[in-house]
PDB file of N, CA and C in Angstrom:
ATOM      1  N   MET A   1      10.976  -0.979 -11.133  1.00  0.00           N
ATOM      2  CA  MET A   1      11.137  -1.567  -9.817  1.00  0.00           C
ATOM      3  C   MET A   1      10.382  -2.894  -9.779  1.00  0.00           C
ATOM      4  N   LYS A   2      11.008  -3.896  -9.230  1.00  0.00           N
ATOM      5  CA  LYS A   2      10.400  -5.226  -9.178  1.00  0.00           C
ATOM      6  C   LYS A   2       9.302  -5.300  -8.125  1.00  0.00           C
ATOM      7  N   GLN A   3       8.373  -6.200  -8.367  1.00  0.00           N
ATOM      8  CA  GLN A   3       7.225  -6.370  -7.475  1.00  0.00           C
ATOM      9  C   GLN A   3       7.656  -6.666  -6.040  1.00  0.00           C
ATOM     10  N   GLU A   4       8.668  -7.512  -5.866  1.00  0.00           N
ATOM     11  CA  GLU A   4       9.120  -7.857  -4.514  1.00  0.00           C
ATOM     12  C   GLU A   4       9.638  -6.628  -3.790  1.00  0.00           C
ATOM     13  N   ALA A   5      10.358  -5.761  -4.513  1.00  0.00           N
ATOM     14  CA  ALA A   5      10.897  -4.536  -3.914  1.00  0.00           C
ATOM     15  C   ALA A   5       9.763  -3.593  -3.513  1.00  0.00           C
ATOM     16  N   ILE A   6       8.728  -3.527  -4.333  1.00  0.00           N
ATOM     17  CA  ILE A   6       7.575  -2.681  -4.006  1.00  0.00           C
ATOM     18  C   ILE A   6       6.876  -3.216  -2.755  1.00  0.00           C
ATOM     19  N   ILE A   7       6.681  -4.527  -2.690  1.00  0.00           N
ATOM     20  CA  ILE A   7       6.039  -5.133  -1.511  1.00  0.00           C
ATOM     21  C   ILE A   7       6.882  -4.900  -0.265  1.00  0.00           C
ATOM     22  N   ASP A   8       8.189  -5.056  -0.379  1.00  0.00           N
ATOM     23  CA  ASP A   8       9.070  -4.800   0.770  1.00  0.00           C
ATOM     24  C   ASP A   8       8.930  -3.368   1.254  1.00  0.00           C
ATOM     25  N   GLN A   9       8.870  -2.420   0.332  1.00  0.00           N
ATOM     26  CA  GLN A   9       8.718  -1.020   0.717  1.00  0.00           C
ATOM     27  C   GLN A   9       7.336  -0.749   1.289  1.00  0.00           C
ATOM     28  N   LEU A  10       6.315  -1.399   0.734  1.00  0.00           N
ATOM     29  CA  LEU A  10       4.967  -1.246   1.294  1.00  0.00           C
ATOM     30  C   LEU A  10       4.931  -1.705   2.751  1.00  0.00           C
ATOM     31  N   LYS A  11       5.640  -2.778   3.064  1.00  0.00           N
ATOM     32  CA  LYS A  11       5.698  -3.258   4.451  1.00  0.00           C
ATOM     33  C   LYS A  11       6.250  -2.176   5.367  1.00  0.00           C
ATOM     34  N   VAL A  12       7.310  -1.523   4.920  1.00  0.00           N
ATOM     35  CA  VAL A  12       7.919  -0.452   5.724  1.00  0.00           C
ATOM     36  C   VAL A  12       6.923   0.696   5.909  1.00  0.00           C
ATOM     37  N   ILE A  13       6.226   1.035   4.834  1.00  0.00           N
ATOM     38  CA  ILE A  13       5.286   2.164   4.877  1.00  0.00           C
ATOM     39  C   ILE A  13       4.084   1.866   5.772  1.00  0.00           C
ATOM     40  N   VAL A  14       3.494   0.676   5.676  1.00  0.00           N
ATOM     41  CA  VAL A  14       2.269   0.388   6.435  1.00  0.00           C
ATOM     42  C   VAL A  14       2.528  -0.005   7.887  1.00  0.00           C
ATOM     43  N   LYS A  15       3.723  -0.454   8.209  1.00  0.00           N
ATOM     44  CA  LYS A  15       4.018  -0.963   9.565  1.00  0.00           C
ATOM     45  C   LYS A  15       3.552  -0.036  10.689  1.00  0.00           C
ATOM     46  N   PRO A  16       3.824   1.273  10.625  1.00  0.00           N
ATOM     47  CA  PRO A  16       3.396   2.138  11.742  1.00  0.00           C
ATOM     48  C   PRO A  16       1.880   2.220  11.937  1.00  0.00           C
ATOM     49  N   TYR A  17       1.115   1.852  10.930  1.00  0.00           N
ATOM     50  CA  TYR A  17      -0.338   1.985  10.986  1.00  0.00           C
ATOM     51  C   TYR A  17      -1.060   0.679  11.290  1.00  0.00           C
ATOM     52  N   VAL A  18      -0.330  -0.430  11.316  1.00  0.00           N
ATOM     53  CA  VAL A  18      -0.919  -1.760  11.494  1.00  0.00           C
ATOM     54  C   VAL A  18      -1.305  -1.978  12.947  1.00  0.00           C
ATOM     55  N   THR A  19      -2.512  -2.521  13.164  1.00  0.00           N
ATOM     56  CA  THR A  19      -2.915  -2.876  14.525  1.00  0.00           C
ATOM     57  C   THR A  19      -3.003  -4.387  14.723  1.00  0.00           C
ATOM     58  N   ASP A  20      -2.874  -5.154  13.642  1.00  0.00           N
ATOM     59  CA  ASP A  20      -2.880  -6.616  13.748  1.00  0.00           C
ATOM     60  C   ASP A  20      -1.507  -7.136  13.313  1.00  0.00           C
ATOM     61  N   GLU A  21      -0.629  -7.288  14.292  1.00  0.00           N
ATOM     62  CA  GLU A  21       0.755  -7.683  14.013  1.00  0.00           C
ATOM     63  C   GLU A  21       0.847  -9.067  13.375  1.00  0.00           C
ATOM     64  N   GLN A  22      -0.023  -9.979  13.775  1.00  0.00           N
ATOM     65  CA  GLN A  22       0.019 -11.329  13.207  1.00  0.00           C
ATOM     66  C   GLN A  22      -0.282 -11.291  11.717  1.00  0.00           C
ATOM     67  N   ALA A  23      -1.309 -10.546  11.336  1.00  0.00           N
ATOM     68  CA  ALA A  23      -1.646 -10.418   9.914  1.00  0.00           C
ATOM     69  C   ALA A  23      -0.492  -9.763   9.166  1.00  0.00           C
ATOM     70  N   PHE A  24       0.154  -8.788   9.802  1.00  0.00           N
ATOM     71  CA  PHE A  24       1.286  -8.116   9.159  1.00  0.00           C
ATOM     72  C   PHE A  24       2.428  -9.088   8.918  1.00  0.00           C
ATOM     73  N   SER A  25       2.688  -9.961   9.874  1.00  0.00           N
ATOM     74  CA  SER A  25       3.786 -10.919   9.719  1.00  0.00           C
ATOM     75  C   SER A  25       3.488 -11.944   8.621  1.00  0.00           C
ATOM     76  N   ASN A  26       2.220 -12.113   8.282  1.00  0.00           N
ATOM     77  CA  ASN A  26       1.819 -13.040   7.223  1.00  0.00           C
ATOM     78  C   ASN A  26       1.390 -12.316   5.958  1.00  0.00           C
ATOM     79  N   LEU A  27       1.835 -11.086   5.768  1.00  0.00           N
ATOM     80  CA  LEU A  27       1.422 -10.257   4.641  1.00  0.00           C
ATOM     81  C   LEU A  27       1.726 -10.915   3.305  1.00  0.00           C
ATOM     82  N   THR A  28       0.710 -10.941   2.437  1.00  0.00           N
ATOM     83  CA  THR A  28       0.843 -11.455   1.070  1.00  0.00           C
ATOM     84  C   THR A  28       0.186 -10.450   0.140  1.00  0.00           C
ATOM     85  N   GLU A  29       0.161 -10.761  -1.151  1.00  0.00           N
ATOM     86  CA  GLU A  29      -0.510  -9.889  -2.110  1.00  0.00           C
ATOM     87  C   GLU A  29      -2.000  -9.783  -1.822  1.00  0.00           C
ATOM     88  N   ALA A  30      -2.578 -10.802  -1.226  1.00  0.00           N
ATOM     89  CA  ALA A  30      -4.021 -10.816  -0.958  1.00  0.00           C
ATOM     90  C   ALA A  30      -4.394 -10.076   0.327  1.00  0.00           C
ATOM     91  N   THR A  31      -3.410  -9.604   1.084  1.00  0.00           N
ATOM     92  CA  THR A  31      -3.679  -8.931   2.350  1.00  0.00           C
ATOM     93  C   THR A  31      -4.439  -7.633   2.115  1.00  0.00           C
ATOM     94  N   ASP A  32      -5.566  -7.504   2.804  1.00  0.00           N
ATOM     95  CA  ASP A  32      -6.407  -6.306   2.732  1.00  0.00           C
ATOM     96  C   ASP A  32      -5.952  -5.336   3.822  1.00  0.00           C
ATOM     97  N   PHE A  33      -5.783  -4.072   3.451  1.00  0.00           N
ATOM     98  CA  PHE A  33      -5.285  -3.090   4.414  1.00  0.00           C
ATOM     99  C   PHE A  33      -6.245  -2.871   5.581  1.00  0.00           C
ATOM    100  N   ILE A  34      -7.535  -2.792   5.299  1.00  0.00           N
ATOM    101  CA  ILE A  34      -8.506  -2.494   6.351  1.00  0.00           C
ATOM    102  C   ILE A  34      -8.948  -3.760   7.084  1.00  0.00           C
ATOM    103  N   ASN A  35      -9.370  -4.778   6.350  1.00  0.00           N
ATOM    104  CA  ASN A  35      -9.921  -5.978   6.989  1.00  0.00           C
ATOM    105  C   ASN A  35      -8.874  -6.864   7.644  1.00  0.00           C
ATOM    106  N   ASP A  36      -7.703  -6.999   7.029  1.00  0.00           N
ATOM    107  CA  ASP A  36      -6.671  -7.883   7.582  1.00  0.00           C
ATOM    108  C   ASP A  36      -5.725  -7.152   8.535  1.00  0.00           C
ATOM    109  N   LEU A  37      -5.200  -6.023   8.085  1.00  0.00           N
ATOM    110  CA  LEU A  37      -4.208  -5.306   8.885  1.00  0.00           C
ATOM    111  C   LEU A  37      -4.838  -4.358   9.899  1.00  0.00           C
ATOM    112  N   LYS A  38      -6.155  -4.174   9.784  1.00  0.00           N
ATOM    113  CA  LYS A  38      -6.911  -3.311  10.709  1.00  0.00           C
ATOM    114  C   LYS A  38      -6.422  -1.864  10.672  1.00  0.00           C
ATOM    115  N   ILE A  39      -6.045  -1.400   9.481  1.00  0.00           N
ATOM    116  CA  ILE A  39      -5.676   0.003   9.307  1.00  0.00           C
ATOM    117  C   ILE A  39      -6.976   0.770   9.078  1.00  0.00           C
ATOM    118  N   ASN A  40      -7.230   1.792   9.898  1.00  0.00           N
ATOM    119  CA  ASN A  40      -8.493   2.521   9.716  1.00  0.00           C
ATOM    120  C   ASN A  40      -8.414   3.420   8.485  1.00  0.00           C
ATOM    121  N   SER A  41      -9.567   3.855   8.026  1.00  0.00           N
ATOM    122  CA  SER A  41      -9.629   4.589   6.757  1.00  0.00           C
ATOM    123  C   SER A  41      -8.846   5.902   6.801  1.00  0.00           C
ATOM    124  N   ALA A  42      -8.803   6.561   7.944  1.00  0.00           N
ATOM    125  CA  ALA A  42      -8.020   7.798   8.054  1.00  0.00           C
ATOM    126  C   ALA A  42      -6.531   7.494   7.904  1.00  0.00           C
ATOM    127  N   ASN A  43      -6.074   6.442   8.534  1.00  0.00           N
ATOM    128  CA  ASN A  43      -4.665   6.069   8.412  1.00  0.00           C
ATOM    129  C   ASN A  43      -4.339   5.550   7.022  1.00  0.00           C
ATOM    130  N   LEU A  44      -5.318   4.990   6.339  1.00  0.00           N
ATOM    131  CA  LEU A  44      -5.082   4.517   4.976  1.00  0.00           C
ATOM    132  C   LEU A  44      -4.728   5.696   4.061  1.00  0.00           C
ATOM    133  N   ILE A  45      -5.323   6.846   4.325  1.00  0.00           N
ATOM    134  CA  ILE A  45      -4.960   8.057   3.575  1.00  0.00           C
ATOM    135  C   ILE A  45      -3.498   8.401   3.841  1.00  0.00           C
ATOM    136  N   ASP A  46      -3.069   8.289   5.102  1.00  0.00           N
ATOM    137  CA  ASP A  46      -1.663   8.546   5.440  1.00  0.00           C
ATOM    138  C   ASP A  46      -0.742   7.564   4.721  1.00  0.00           C
ATOM    139  N   VAL A  47      -1.154   6.303   4.641  1.00  0.00           N
ATOM    140  CA  VAL A  47      -0.370   5.294   3.922  1.00  0.00           C
ATOM    141  C   VAL A  47      -0.215   5.712   2.463  1.00  0.00           C
ATOM    142  N   ILE A  48      -1.304   6.133   1.852  1.00  0.00           N
ATOM    143  CA  ILE A  48      -1.267   6.540   0.440  1.00  0.00           C
ATOM    144  C   ILE A  48      -0.367   7.759   0.253  1.00  0.00           C
ATOM    145  N   LEU A  49      -0.451   8.716   1.166  1.00  0.00           N
ATOM    146  CA  LEU A  49       0.431   9.892   1.089  1.00  0.00           C
ATOM    147  C   LEU A  49       1.893   9.489   1.225  1.00  0.00           C
ATOM    148  N   ASP A  50       2.169   8.545   2.126  1.00  0.00           N
ATOM    149  CA  ASP A  50       3.545   8.042   2.297  1.00  0.00           C
ATOM    150  C   ASP A  50       4.014   7.321   1.030  1.00  0.00           C
ATOM    151  N   ILE A  51       3.125   6.571   0.395  1.00  0.00           N
ATOM    152  CA  ILE A  51       3.459   5.879  -0.855  1.00  0.00           C
ATOM    153  C   ILE A  51       3.798   6.910  -1.930  1.00  0.00           C
ATOM    154  N   GLU A  52       2.970   7.943  -2.043  1.00  0.00           N
ATOM    155  CA  GLU A  52       3.227   8.996  -3.030  1.00  0.00           C
ATOM    156  C   GLU A  52       4.590   9.637  -2.813  1.00  0.00           C
ATOM    157  N   GLU A  53       4.883   9.928  -1.558  1.00  0.00           N
ATOM    158  CA  GLU A  53       6.159  10.575  -1.236  1.00  0.00           C
ATOM    159  C   GLU A  53       7.344   9.664  -1.540  1.00  0.00           C
ATOM    160  N   PHE A  54       7.283   8.424  -1.089  1.00  0.00           N
ATOM    161  CA  PHE A  54       8.417   7.522  -1.279  1.00  0.00           C
ATOM    162  C   PHE A  54       8.680   7.243  -2.752  1.00  0.00           C
ATOM    163  N   PHE A  55       7.634   6.931  -3.485  1.00  0.00           N
ATOM    164  CA  PHE A  55       7.797   6.541  -4.891  1.00  0.00           C
ATOM    165  C   PHE A  55       7.786   7.735  -5.852  1.00  0.00           C
ATOM    166  N   ALA A  56       7.564   8.943  -5.315  1.00  0.00           N
ATOM    167  CA  ALA A  56       7.513  10.171  -6.127  1.00  0.00           C
ATOM    168  C   ALA A  56       6.475  10.043  -7.244  1.00  0.00           C
ATOM    169  N   ILE A  57       5.271   9.629  -6.845  1.00  0.00           N
ATOM    170  CA  ILE A  57       4.163   9.485  -7.786  1.00  0.00           C
ATOM    171  C   ILE A  57       2.956  10.230  -7.234  1.00  0.00           C
ATOM    172  N   GLU A  58       1.966  10.442  -8.094  1.00  0.00           N
ATOM    173  CA  GLU A  58       0.710  11.038  -7.665  1.00  0.00           C
ATOM    174  C   GLU A  58      -0.398  10.020  -7.897  1.00  0.00           C
ATOM    175  N   ILE A  59      -1.156   9.765  -6.841  1.00  0.00           N
ATOM    176  CA  ILE A  59      -2.229   8.781  -6.922  1.00  0.00           C
ATOM    177  C   ILE A  59      -3.552   9.536  -6.951  1.00  0.00           C
ATOM    178  N   ASP A  60      -4.278   9.406  -8.055  1.00  0.00           N
ATOM    179  CA  ASP A  60      -5.553  10.109  -8.210  1.00  0.00           C
ATOM    180  C   ASP A  60      -6.629   9.437  -7.361  1.00  0.00           C
ATOM    181  N   ASN A  61      -7.761  10.122  -7.206  1.00  0.00           N
ATOM    182  CA  ASN A  61      -8.842   9.616  -6.346  1.00  0.00           C
ATOM    183  C   ASN A  61      -9.372   8.263  -6.785  1.00  0.00           C
ATOM    184  N   THR A  62      -9.484   8.038  -8.089  1.00  0.00           N
ATOM    185  CA  THR A  62      -9.975   6.751  -8.583  1.00  0.00           C
ATOM    186  C   THR A  62      -9.033   5.625  -8.177  1.00  0.00           C
ATOM    187  N   SER A  63      -7.736   5.852  -8.323  1.00  0.00           N
ATOM    188  CA  SER A  63      -6.749   4.846  -7.923  1.00  0.00           C
ATOM    189  C   SER A  63      -6.761   4.646  -6.422  1.00  0.00           C
ATOM    190  N   MET A  64      -6.942   5.735  -5.676  1.00  0.00           N
ATOM    191  CA  MET A  64      -6.996   5.645  -4.212  1.00  0.00           C
ATOM    192  C   MET A  64      -8.115   4.714  -3.763  1.00  0.00           C
ATOM    193  N   GLU A  65      -9.273   4.856  -4.397  1.00  0.00           N
ATOM    194  CA  GLU A  65     -10.420   4.033  -4.023  1.00  0.00           C
ATOM    195  C   GLU A  65     -10.181   2.554  -4.311  1.00  0.00           C
ATOM    196  N   ARG A  66      -9.341   2.258  -5.298  1.00  0.00           N
ATOM    197  CA  ARG A  66      -9.042   0.857  -5.648  1.00  0.00           C
ATOM    198  C   ARG A  66      -7.919   0.273  -4.793  1.00  0.00           C
ATOM    199  N   MET A  67      -7.199   1.114  -4.069  1.00  0.00           N
ATOM    200  CA  MET A  67      -6.026   0.665  -3.321  1.00  0.00           C
ATOM    201  C   MET A  67      -6.459   0.114  -1.959  1.00  0.00           C
ATOM    202  N   ILE A  68      -7.039  -1.086  -1.994  1.00  0.00           N
ATOM    203  CA  ILE A  68      -7.577  -1.676  -0.768  1.00  0.00           C
ATOM    204  C   ILE A  68      -6.758  -2.855  -0.254  1.00  0.00           C
ATOM    205  N   ASP A  69      -5.897  -3.386  -1.109  1.00  0.00           N
ATOM    206  CA  ASP A  69      -5.067  -4.516  -0.696  1.00  0.00           C
ATOM    207  C   ASP A  69      -3.673  -4.382  -1.311  1.00  0.00           C
ATOM    208  N   VAL A  70      -2.796  -5.258  -0.903  1.00  0.00           N
ATOM    209  CA  VAL A  70      -1.408  -5.186  -1.358  1.00  0.00           C
ATOM    210  C   VAL A  70      -1.330  -5.343  -2.874  1.00  0.00           C
ATOM    211  N   GLN A  71      -2.062  -6.285  -3.429  1.00  0.00           N
ATOM    212  CA  GLN A  71      -2.006  -6.541  -4.870  1.00  0.00           C
ATOM    213  C   GLN A  71      -2.416  -5.305  -5.679  1.00  0.00           C
ATOM    214  N   SER A  72      -3.505  -4.660  -5.306  1.00  0.00           N
ATOM    215  CA  SER A  72      -3.939  -3.476  -6.049  1.00  0.00           C
ATOM    216  C   SER A  72      -2.967  -2.325  -5.852  1.00  0.00           C
ATOM    217  N   ALA A  73      -2.392  -2.204  -4.653  1.00  0.00           N
ATOM    218  CA  ALA A  73      -1.406  -1.148  -4.406  1.00  0.00           C
ATOM    219  C   ALA A  73      -0.181  -1.342  -5.297  1.00  0.00           C
ATOM    220  N   VAL A  74       0.302  -2.576  -5.384  1.00  0.00           N
ATOM    221  CA  VAL A  74       1.461  -2.869  -6.229  1.00  0.00           C
ATOM    222  C   VAL A  74       1.140  -2.555  -7.689  1.00  0.00           C
ATOM    223  N   ALA A  75      -0.036  -2.939  -8.156  1.00  0.00           N
ATOM    224  CA  ALA A  75      -0.423  -2.686  -9.548  1.00  0.00           C
ATOM    225  C   ALA A  75      -0.483  -1.193  -9.840  1.00  0.00           C
ATOM    226  N   ILE A  76      -1.056  -0.425  -8.924  1.00  0.00           N
ATOM    227  CA  ILE A  76      -1.169   1.024  -9.115  1.00  0.00           C
ATOM    228  C   ILE A  76       0.204   1.680  -9.080  1.00  0.00           C
ATOM    229  N   ILE A  77       1.030   1.305  -8.120  1.00  0.00           N
ATOM    230  CA  ILE A  77       2.384   1.875  -8.026  1.00  0.00           C
ATOM    231  C   ILE A  77       3.175   1.554  -9.290  1.00  0.00           C
ATOM    232  N   THR A  78       3.111   0.307  -9.734  1.00  0.00           N
ATOM    233  CA  THR A  78       3.829  -0.109 -10.932  1.00  0.00           C
ATOM    234  C   THR A  78       3.378   0.702 -12.148  1.00  0.00           C
ATOM    235  N   ALA A  79       2.074   0.856 -12.310  1.00  0.00           N
ATOM    236  CA  ALA A  79       1.535   1.611 -13.440  1.00  0.00           C
ATOM    237  C   ALA A  79       1.987   3.071 -13.386  1.00  0.00           C
ATOM    238  N   LYS A  80       1.961   3.659 -12.214  1.00  0.00           N
ATOM    239  CA  LYS A  80       2.370   5.062 -12.071  1.00  0.00           C
ATOM    240  C   LYS A  80       3.865   5.233 -12.357  1.00  0.00           C
ATOM    241  N   LEU A  81       4.669   4.280 -11.887  1.00  0.00           N
ATOM    242  CA  LEU A  81       6.117   4.355 -12.141  1.00  0.00           C
ATOM    243  C   LEU A  81       6.431   4.201 -13.621  1.00  0.00           C
ATOM    244  N   GLU A  82       5.709   3.307 -14.283  1.00  0.00           N
ATOM    245  CA  GLU A  82       5.936   3.086 -15.714  1.00  0.00           C
ATOM    246  C   GLU A  82       5.499   4.279 -16.553  1.00  0.00           C
ATOM    247  N   ALA A  83       4.522   5.041 -16.053  1.00  0.00           N
ATOM    248  CA  ALA A  83       4.006   6.198 -16.784  1.00  0.00           C
ATOM    249  C   ALA A  83       4.909   7.428 -16.669  1.00  0.00           C
ATOM    250  N   GLN A  84       5.859   7.366 -15.790  1.00  0.00           N
ATOM    251  CA  GLN A  84       6.745   8.528 -15.588  1.00  0.00           C
ATOM    252  C   GLN A  84       7.740   8.682 -16.712  1.00  0.00           C
TER     253      GLN A  84
END
């Protein structure tokens, strides 16, 4: 799956949890889920669960802790998809 497609899907997944719409409309690879999009840590777990479900992957705790921005999320998703 291409990086752009992963980012597009991430937008769909995180949208319900975003509290800063302006930051969401300007989402880039550097966008931080907590600091920029104002997604709280409890909802970030929901985002990760939604990512696991959509992409049919399992994200371990170490990867979860690194999944703080769009770029790291894309890298982790890509790595998990390639490992399947």
